[in-house]
Amino acid sequence: MRFFTSRVIPDPTRNPSTARHHCRSIVTACRAVLLPRFGGPDVLQLRPNVEVPDLNPNQVLVRARAVSINPLDTRMRSGYGRSLFGPLLPLILGRDISGEVAAVGASVKTLNLGQEVFGALHPTAVRGTYTDYAILSEDELTPKPVSVTHVEASAIPFAALTAWRALKSTARITEGQRILVVGGGGAVGFAAIQLAVASGCNVATTCGSQSVDRAMAAGAEQAVDYTAEDPESVIKGKFDAVLDTIGVPETERIGVNFLKRGGYYMTLQGEAASLTDSYGLVIGLPLASSTLLKKQLRYQYTHGIEYSWTFMRADAEGLNEIRRLTEVGKLKIPVEKTFPITQVIEAHEAKDKKHIPGKVVLEFD
């Protein structure tokens, strides 16, 4: 059963003769999964009547059909980023979404009411997508390809945009370059393999045994099972860019040593959140900036490479390219299991206990 109330407001900026087609149906309250405090899966609360804020001019109200669970969701629930998010509790988790446009802000030009869309929020958003009606900016959404379902589409954008930021915005990869993806079995790593292959790059990856065949089928030239082989022994040559989705000291050492001079090492495991959680924003943010700068200077001096912490951000160009690749079947993130939104606690428990290693999606009735 859906819980929401709504009102319809004609847009006064539109021609009266076409006003019926441009009314903005503003939902005032709906179901949402709230995080009132940090903790285990049992702290999540599905509430029936959570307020929906008014739209800003550039925002879009999306009726959710499917949202995926990202590692960021379970980490935030457990307290990751508490220095930033703690004062803002309760908040709504969730980054990815696939659904239909339910309302648009006055300046939105590229999306229409009823249109099927998918996209993702920035990592720092406090009103996420675990809700019947989510709010995203226009540049955080793109039309959903008809060739994929809402469940399939919801698994793609956050992971793919994270990989896009690293490979395209930071390393600016080009055809013919060699790319190493450390941790190609996860959603970001698998998206990175496909994006690099689509760019004409030669890709190698490390992953678990269960992901080797899938990585090779996606176009990787070499997929090394790190549990059975030593990547440093079996992977040959140097690389133009390394995306490290694991980000522990050992993978950082390996990744840096695999780079050519002038290459790019990018890790998903930056220390900004952990340092601010430990020392607070006032001390933690400057300390994080100092830590990053020291590593950048050290690796520039010792290896002649560029070092960076990477994270997802809205990128309309990247999202449109992700949509195009999805349409032609060159980009997909396999979904292992779905849960109804009413079973969000069970879904988080399954991810916490690693019962489901692959992508999990929450569906809305």
Protein backbone atom coordinates (compact mmCIF):
# COMPACT_ATOMS: atom_id res chain seq x y z
CA MET A 1 0.00 0.00 0.00
CA ARG A 2 1.30 3.47 -0.87
CA PHE A 3 1.15 6.27 1.65
CA PHE A 4 1.19 9.80 0.26
CA THR A 5 -0.82 12.94 -0.15
CA SER A 6 -0.43 15.41 -2.97
CA ARG A 7 -1.54 18.70 -4.38
CA VAL A 8 -1.35 19.99 -7.93
CA ILE A 9 0.09 23.43 -8.61
CA PRO A 10 -0.12 24.96 -12.11
CA ASP A 11 3.15 26.51 -13.21
CA PRO A 12 2.44 30.24 -13.72
CA THR A 13 5.42 30.58 -16.05
CA ARG A 14 3.73 28.41 -18.67
CA ASN A 15 1.26 29.44 -21.35
CA PRO A 16 -2.28 28.99 -19.99
CA SER A 17 -3.29 26.99 -23.08
CA THR A 18 -0.71 24.33 -22.20
CA ALA A 19 -0.89 24.59 -18.42
CA ARG A 20 -2.61 21.24 -18.06
CA HIS A 21 0.48 19.52 -19.44
CA HIS A 22 2.85 21.42 -17.19
CA CYS A 23 1.15 21.20 -13.81
CA ARG A 24 3.53 20.11 -11.11
CA SER A 25 2.04 17.39 -8.91
CA ILE A 26 3.73 18.06 -5.60
CA VAL A 27 3.70 15.15 -3.19
CA THR A 28 3.62 16.46 0.36
CA ALA A 29 4.23 13.20 2.28
CA CYS A 30 5.12 9.59 1.48
CA ARG A 31 6.76 6.43 2.80
CA ALA A 32 10.47 6.62 3.55
CA VAL A 33 13.11 4.59 5.36
CA LEU A 34 14.58 6.82 8.05
CA LEU A 35 17.90 6.46 9.83
CA PRO A 36 17.22 8.06 13.25
CA ARG A 37 20.56 6.96 14.73
CA PHE A 38 23.65 5.03 13.70
CA GLY A 39 23.81 1.30 14.29
CA GLY A 40 22.91 -2.08 12.85
CA PRO A 41 20.16 -2.84 10.31
CA ASP A 42 17.51 -2.80 13.03
CA VAL A 43 17.82 1.00 13.44
CA LEU A 44 16.20 1.52 10.02
CA GLN A 45 12.56 2.62 10.25
CA LEU A 46 10.03 2.50 7.42
CA ARG A 47 7.64 5.34 8.19
CA PRO A 48 4.38 5.95 6.35
CA ASN A 49 4.11 9.72 6.32
CA VAL A 50 7.44 11.52 5.89
CA GLU A 51 7.37 15.08 4.60
CA VAL A 52 8.47 15.75 1.01
CA PRO A 53 10.12 19.17 0.64
CA ASP A 54 9.12 21.64 -2.07
CA LEU A 55 11.13 21.42 -5.27
CA ASN A 56 13.79 23.94 -6.16
CA PRO A 57 13.65 25.19 -9.76
CA ASN A 58 16.29 22.70 -10.98
CA GLN A 59 14.93 19.68 -9.11
CA VAL A 60 12.87 16.68 -10.15
CA LEU A 61 10.53 14.55 -8.05
CA VAL A 62 10.97 10.88 -8.96
CA ARG A 63 8.49 8.14 -8.13
CA ALA A 64 10.85 5.33 -7.13
CA ARG A 65 10.46 1.89 -8.65
CA ALA A 66 13.82 0.46 -7.61
CA VAL A 67 16.85 1.63 -5.60
CA SER A 68 20.08 -0.27 -5.10
CA ILE A 69 22.02 -0.77 -1.88
CA ASN A 70 25.56 0.56 -2.12
CA PRO A 71 28.40 -0.07 0.35
CA LEU A 72 28.12 3.61 1.26
CA ASP A 73 24.58 2.98 2.55
CA THR A 74 25.59 0.26 5.01
CA ARG A 75 28.67 2.20 6.09
CA MET A 76 26.69 5.40 6.68
CA ARG A 77 24.10 3.44 8.65
CA SER A 78 26.92 2.12 10.85
CA GLY A 79 28.31 5.60 11.51
CA TYR A 80 30.70 6.33 8.63
CA GLY A 81 30.69 10.09 8.11
CA ARG A 82 29.11 10.71 11.52
CA SER A 83 30.94 14.03 11.86
CA LEU A 84 28.98 15.31 8.85
CA PHE A 85 25.73 13.36 9.07
CA GLY A 86 25.31 13.09 12.86
CA PRO A 87 23.91 16.62 13.31
CA LEU A 88 21.54 16.03 10.36
CA LEU A 89 19.82 12.90 11.69
CA PRO A 90 17.30 11.54 10.94
CA LEU A 91 18.28 11.09 7.32
CA ILE A 92 17.26 8.90 4.39
CA LEU A 93 19.82 6.51 2.93
CA GLY A 94 20.15 5.60 -0.73
CA ARG A 95 21.94 7.01 -3.78
CA ASP A 96 20.77 5.11 -6.88
CA ILE A 97 17.23 5.28 -8.25
CA SER A 98 15.14 4.25 -11.22
CA GLY A 99 11.56 5.41 -11.60
CA GLU A 100 9.26 7.95 -13.24
CA VAL A 101 9.19 11.74 -13.19
CA ALA A 102 6.33 12.81 -10.91
CA ALA A 103 7.00 16.56 -10.87
CA VAL A 104 9.53 19.06 -12.16
CA GLY A 105 10.91 22.38 -10.99
CA ALA A 106 10.26 25.52 -12.98
CA SER A 107 13.64 25.54 -14.77
CA VAL A 108 13.79 21.83 -15.69
CA LYS A 109 13.90 21.51 -19.49
CA THR A 110 15.14 18.03 -20.44
CA LEU A 111 12.73 15.80 -18.50
CA ASN A 112 8.96 15.44 -18.67
CA LEU A 113 6.20 14.20 -16.39
CA GLY A 114 5.79 10.43 -16.57
CA GLN A 115 9.17 9.87 -18.22
CA GLU A 116 11.17 6.88 -17.00
CA VAL A 117 14.53 8.00 -15.62
CA PHE A 118 17.48 6.73 -13.62
CA GLY A 119 20.32 8.45 -11.81
CA ALA A 120 22.14 8.94 -8.53
CA LEU A 121 22.57 11.45 -5.72
CA HIS A 122 25.87 12.85 -4.45
CA PRO A 123 27.45 10.91 -1.54
CA THR A 124 26.70 13.74 0.91
CA ALA A 125 22.95 13.96 0.20
CA VAL A 126 20.87 13.61 3.38
CA ARG A 127 17.50 12.95 1.72
CA GLY A 128 18.33 9.79 -0.17
CA THR A 129 16.36 7.45 -2.40
CA TYR A 130 14.92 4.91 0.10
CA THR A 131 11.54 6.60 -0.32
CA ASP A 132 8.49 6.46 -2.56
CA TYR A 133 9.33 9.93 -3.88
CA ALA A 134 12.94 11.07 -4.14
CA ILE A 135 14.26 14.48 -5.14
CA LEU A 136 17.23 14.82 -7.49
CA SER A 137 18.57 17.68 -9.56
CA GLU A 138 18.06 17.61 -13.31
CA ASP A 139 21.73 16.85 -13.99
CA GLU A 140 21.58 13.82 -11.67
CA LEU A 141 19.04 12.10 -13.91
CA THR A 142 18.84 10.78 -17.45
CA PRO A 143 16.19 8.87 -19.43
CA LYS A 144 16.13 5.16 -18.59
CA PRO A 145 16.89 2.93 -21.58
CA VAL A 146 13.87 0.87 -22.58
CA SER A 147 16.15 -2.15 -22.93
CA VAL A 148 16.63 -2.47 -19.14
CA THR A 149 14.20 -2.84 -16.26
CA HIS A 150 13.98 -0.47 -13.31
CA VAL A 151 15.76 -3.07 -11.17
CA GLU A 152 18.63 -3.36 -13.65
CA ALA A 153 18.86 0.41 -14.15
CA SER A 154 18.93 1.18 -10.43
CA ALA A 155 22.13 -0.85 -9.98
CA ILE A 156 24.15 1.20 -12.46
CA PRO A 157 24.50 4.97 -11.94
CA PHE A 158 26.30 5.48 -8.61
CA ALA A 159 28.91 2.79 -9.30
CA ALA A 160 29.37 3.80 -12.93
CA LEU A 161 29.65 7.51 -12.12
CA THR A 162 32.26 6.74 -9.47
CA ALA A 163 34.29 4.82 -12.04
CA TRP A 164 33.69 7.55 -14.63
CA ARG A 165 35.00 10.24 -12.26
CA ALA A 166 38.24 8.31 -11.78
CA LEU A 167 38.90 7.16 -15.32
CA LYS A 168 37.48 10.00 -17.40
CA SER A 169 37.64 13.10 -15.21
CA THR A 170 40.87 12.38 -13.30
CA ALA A 171 43.00 10.06 -15.44
CA ARG A 172 41.42 11.16 -18.74
CA ILE A 173 41.99 7.74 -20.27
CA THR A 174 42.31 7.42 -24.03
CA GLU A 175 42.26 4.62 -26.57
CA GLY A 176 45.21 2.24 -26.43
CA GLN A 177 46.20 2.93 -22.82
CA ARG A 178 46.69 0.16 -20.26
CA ILE A 179 44.38 0.27 -17.23
CA LEU A 180 44.57 -1.84 -14.06
CA VAL A 181 41.44 -2.22 -11.93
CA VAL A 182 42.19 -3.54 -8.45
CA GLY A 183 38.99 -5.18 -7.23
CA GLY A 184 37.15 -5.72 -10.51
CA GLY A 185 34.52 -7.94 -8.92
CA GLY A 186 32.63 -5.15 -7.15
CA ALA A 187 30.15 -2.80 -8.79
CA VAL A 188 32.59 0.13 -9.21
CA GLY A 189 35.40 -2.13 -10.40
CA PHE A 190 33.16 -3.95 -12.87
CA ALA A 191 31.81 -0.65 -14.18
CA ALA A 192 35.40 0.60 -14.56
CA ILE A 193 36.34 -2.45 -16.64
CA GLN A 194 33.44 -1.84 -19.00
CA LEU A 195 34.04 1.91 -19.27
CA ALA A 196 37.73 1.40 -20.01
CA VAL A 197 37.02 -1.30 -22.60
CA ALA A 198 34.45 0.96 -24.26
CA SER A 199 37.14 3.66 -24.46
CA GLY A 200 39.44 1.30 -26.34
CA CYS A 201 41.80 0.62 -23.43
CA ASN A 202 43.59 -2.62 -22.59
CA VAL A 203 42.36 -3.70 -19.18
CA ALA A 204 43.72 -6.02 -16.49
CA THR A 205 42.02 -6.62 -13.17
CA THR A 206 42.33 -8.46 -9.87
CA CYS A 207 39.22 -10.06 -8.39
CA GLY A 208 37.90 -13.10 -6.56
CA SER A 209 37.53 -16.46 -8.28
CA GLN A 210 33.78 -16.02 -8.74
CA SER A 211 34.34 -12.84 -10.80
CA VAL A 212 37.11 -13.93 -13.17
CA ASP A 213 34.86 -15.21 -15.97
CA ARG A 214 32.57 -12.19 -15.77
CA ALA A 215 35.51 -9.77 -15.98
CA MET A 216 36.90 -11.57 -19.02
CA ALA A 217 33.47 -11.60 -20.68
CA ALA A 218 33.28 -7.82 -20.11
CA GLY A 219 36.45 -7.35 -22.16
CA ALA A 220 39.32 -7.52 -19.68
CA GLU A 221 42.48 -8.97 -21.26
CA GLN A 222 43.59 -10.45 -17.93
CA ALA A 223 41.67 -11.23 -14.75
CA VAL A 224 43.76 -12.50 -11.85
CA ASP A 225 42.22 -14.39 -8.94
CA TYR A 226 44.09 -12.71 -6.12
CA THR A 227 43.21 -15.56 -3.73
CA ALA A 228 45.09 -18.07 -5.87
CA GLU A 229 47.82 -16.06 -7.61
CA ASP A 230 50.20 -13.24 -6.79
CA PRO A 231 49.19 -10.28 -9.00
CA GLU A 232 52.74 -8.91 -8.91
CA SER A 233 54.03 -12.15 -10.42
CA VAL A 234 51.44 -12.81 -13.11
CA ILE A 235 50.60 -9.29 -14.31
CA LYS A 236 53.29 -7.98 -16.64
CA GLY A 237 54.21 -4.49 -17.75
CA LYS A 238 53.28 -1.03 -16.60
CA PHE A 239 49.97 0.82 -16.69
CA ASP A 240 48.81 4.32 -17.49
CA ALA A 241 46.20 4.33 -14.71
CA VAL A 242 45.28 2.21 -11.69
CA LEU A 243 41.87 2.35 -10.03
CA ASP A 244 42.09 0.74 -6.59
CA THR A 245 38.61 -0.08 -5.27
CA ILE A 246 40.05 -1.89 -2.23
CA GLY A 247 42.35 0.83 -0.95
CA VAL A 248 44.34 -0.97 1.74
CA PRO A 249 48.10 -0.34 2.14
CA GLU A 250 49.04 -3.52 0.26
CA THR A 251 46.88 -2.77 -2.80
CA GLU A 252 48.12 0.81 -2.77
CA ARG A 253 51.74 -0.38 -2.81
CA ILE A 254 51.02 -2.83 -5.65
CA GLY A 255 49.03 -0.31 -7.65
CA VAL A 256 51.63 2.44 -7.38
CA ASN A 257 54.42 0.09 -8.41
CA PHE A 258 52.50 -0.98 -11.52
CA LEU A 259 52.29 2.58 -12.86
CA LYS A 260 54.32 4.22 -15.57
CA ARG A 261 55.83 7.59 -14.79
CA GLY A 262 53.13 10.16 -15.38
CA GLY A 263 50.43 7.60 -14.57
CA TYR A 264 47.45 7.99 -12.25
CA TYR A 265 46.73 6.08 -9.05
CA MET A 266 43.16 6.55 -7.79
CA THR A 267 41.68 5.01 -4.66
CA LEU A 268 38.07 4.89 -3.47
CA GLN A 269 39.24 4.70 0.15
CA GLY A 270 40.22 8.28 0.83
CA GLU A 271 40.80 9.21 4.45
CA ALA A 272 38.72 12.40 4.67
CA ALA A 273 35.65 10.82 6.31
CA SER A 274 37.61 8.64 8.73
CA LEU A 275 39.81 11.52 9.87
CA THR A 276 36.89 13.91 10.38
CA ASP A 277 35.01 11.18 12.26
CA SER A 278 38.03 10.71 14.53
CA TYR A 279 38.98 14.34 15.08
CA GLY A 280 35.90 16.36 14.11
CA LEU A 281 35.42 18.65 11.14
CA VAL A 282 37.57 21.52 12.45
CA ILE A 283 40.68 19.36 12.88
CA GLY A 284 39.84 16.41 10.62
CA LEU A 285 39.34 18.27 7.34
CA PRO A 286 42.68 20.14 7.44
CA LEU A 287 44.37 16.92 8.56
CA ALA A 288 42.83 15.04 5.63
CA SER A 289 43.98 17.72 3.20
CA SER A 290 47.48 17.56 4.66
CA THR A 291 47.55 13.75 4.48
CA LEU A 292 46.49 13.80 0.83
CA LEU A 293 49.02 16.48 -0.09
CA LYS A 294 51.86 14.58 1.60
CA LYS A 295 51.03 11.42 -0.36
CA GLN A 296 50.75 13.35 -3.61
CA LEU A 297 54.14 14.98 -3.10
CA ARG A 298 55.78 11.74 -1.97
CA TYR A 299 54.57 9.66 -4.91
CA GLN A 300 55.32 12.44 -7.36
CA TYR A 301 58.89 12.49 -6.07
CA THR A 302 59.46 8.72 -5.70
CA HIS A 303 57.46 7.39 -8.67
CA GLY A 304 56.59 10.38 -10.84
CA ILE A 305 52.87 9.63 -10.64
CA GLU A 306 49.64 11.43 -9.77
CA TYR A 307 47.86 10.24 -6.60
CA SER A 308 44.21 11.00 -5.77
CA TRP A 309 41.23 10.04 -3.65
CA THR A 310 38.23 9.62 -5.90
CA PHE A 311 34.51 9.73 -5.23
CA MET A 312 31.26 10.03 -7.17
CA ARG A 313 29.84 13.37 -8.18
CA ALA A 314 27.06 14.47 -10.53
CA ASP A 315 28.26 14.59 -14.13
CA ALA A 316 25.62 15.10 -16.82
CA GLU A 317 28.06 14.19 -19.62
CA GLY A 318 29.13 11.04 -17.80
CA LEU A 319 25.57 10.00 -17.00
CA ASN A 320 24.52 10.44 -20.64
CA GLU A 321 27.45 8.30 -21.79
CA ILE A 322 26.55 5.69 -19.18
CA ARG A 323 22.99 5.69 -20.54
CA ARG A 324 24.28 5.27 -24.11
CA LEU A 325 26.54 2.37 -23.17
CA THR A 326 23.70 0.75 -21.23
CA GLU A 327 21.39 1.09 -24.23
CA VAL A 328 23.79 -0.77 -26.51
CA GLY A 329 24.55 -3.47 -23.95
CA LYS A 330 28.13 -2.40 -23.17
CA LEU A 331 27.51 -1.50 -19.53
CA LYS A 332 25.57 -3.44 -16.91
CA ILE A 333 25.83 -4.28 -13.23
CA PRO A 334 24.37 -7.72 -12.45
CA VAL A 335 21.73 -7.79 -9.71
CA GLU A 336 21.96 -10.82 -7.45
CA LYS A 337 18.83 -10.38 -5.32
CA THR A 338 15.88 -8.04 -4.81
CA PHE A 339 13.88 -7.24 -1.68
CA PRO A 340 10.68 -5.22 -1.30
CA ILE A 341 11.29 -1.90 0.43
CA THR A 342 9.31 -3.27 3.39
CA GLN A 343 12.17 -5.74 3.95
CA VAL A 344 14.95 -3.15 4.00
CA ILE A 345 16.20 -4.40 7.37
CA GLU A 346 16.53 -7.95 6.03
CA ALA A 347 18.34 -6.63 2.95
CA HIS A 348 20.88 -4.72 5.06
CA GLU A 349 21.36 -7.73 7.32
CA ALA A 350 22.13 -9.90 4.29
CA LYS A 351 24.73 -7.40 3.06
CA ASP A 352 26.30 -6.99 6.51
CA LYS A 353 26.66 -10.75 6.93
CA LYS A 354 27.98 -11.10 3.36
CA HIS A 355 25.25 -13.61 2.54
CA ILE A 356 24.83 -11.86 -0.80
CA PRO A 357 28.15 -10.78 -2.32
CA GLY A 358 26.57 -9.18 -5.40
CA LYS A 359 24.27 -6.24 -5.97
CA VAL A 360 21.05 -6.00 -3.95
CA VAL A 361 18.10 -3.88 -5.08
CA LEU A 362 15.07 -2.67 -3.13
CA GLU A 363 11.80 -2.67 -5.10
CA PHE A 364 8.75 -0.45 -4.56
CA ASP A 365 5.16 -1.55 -5.12
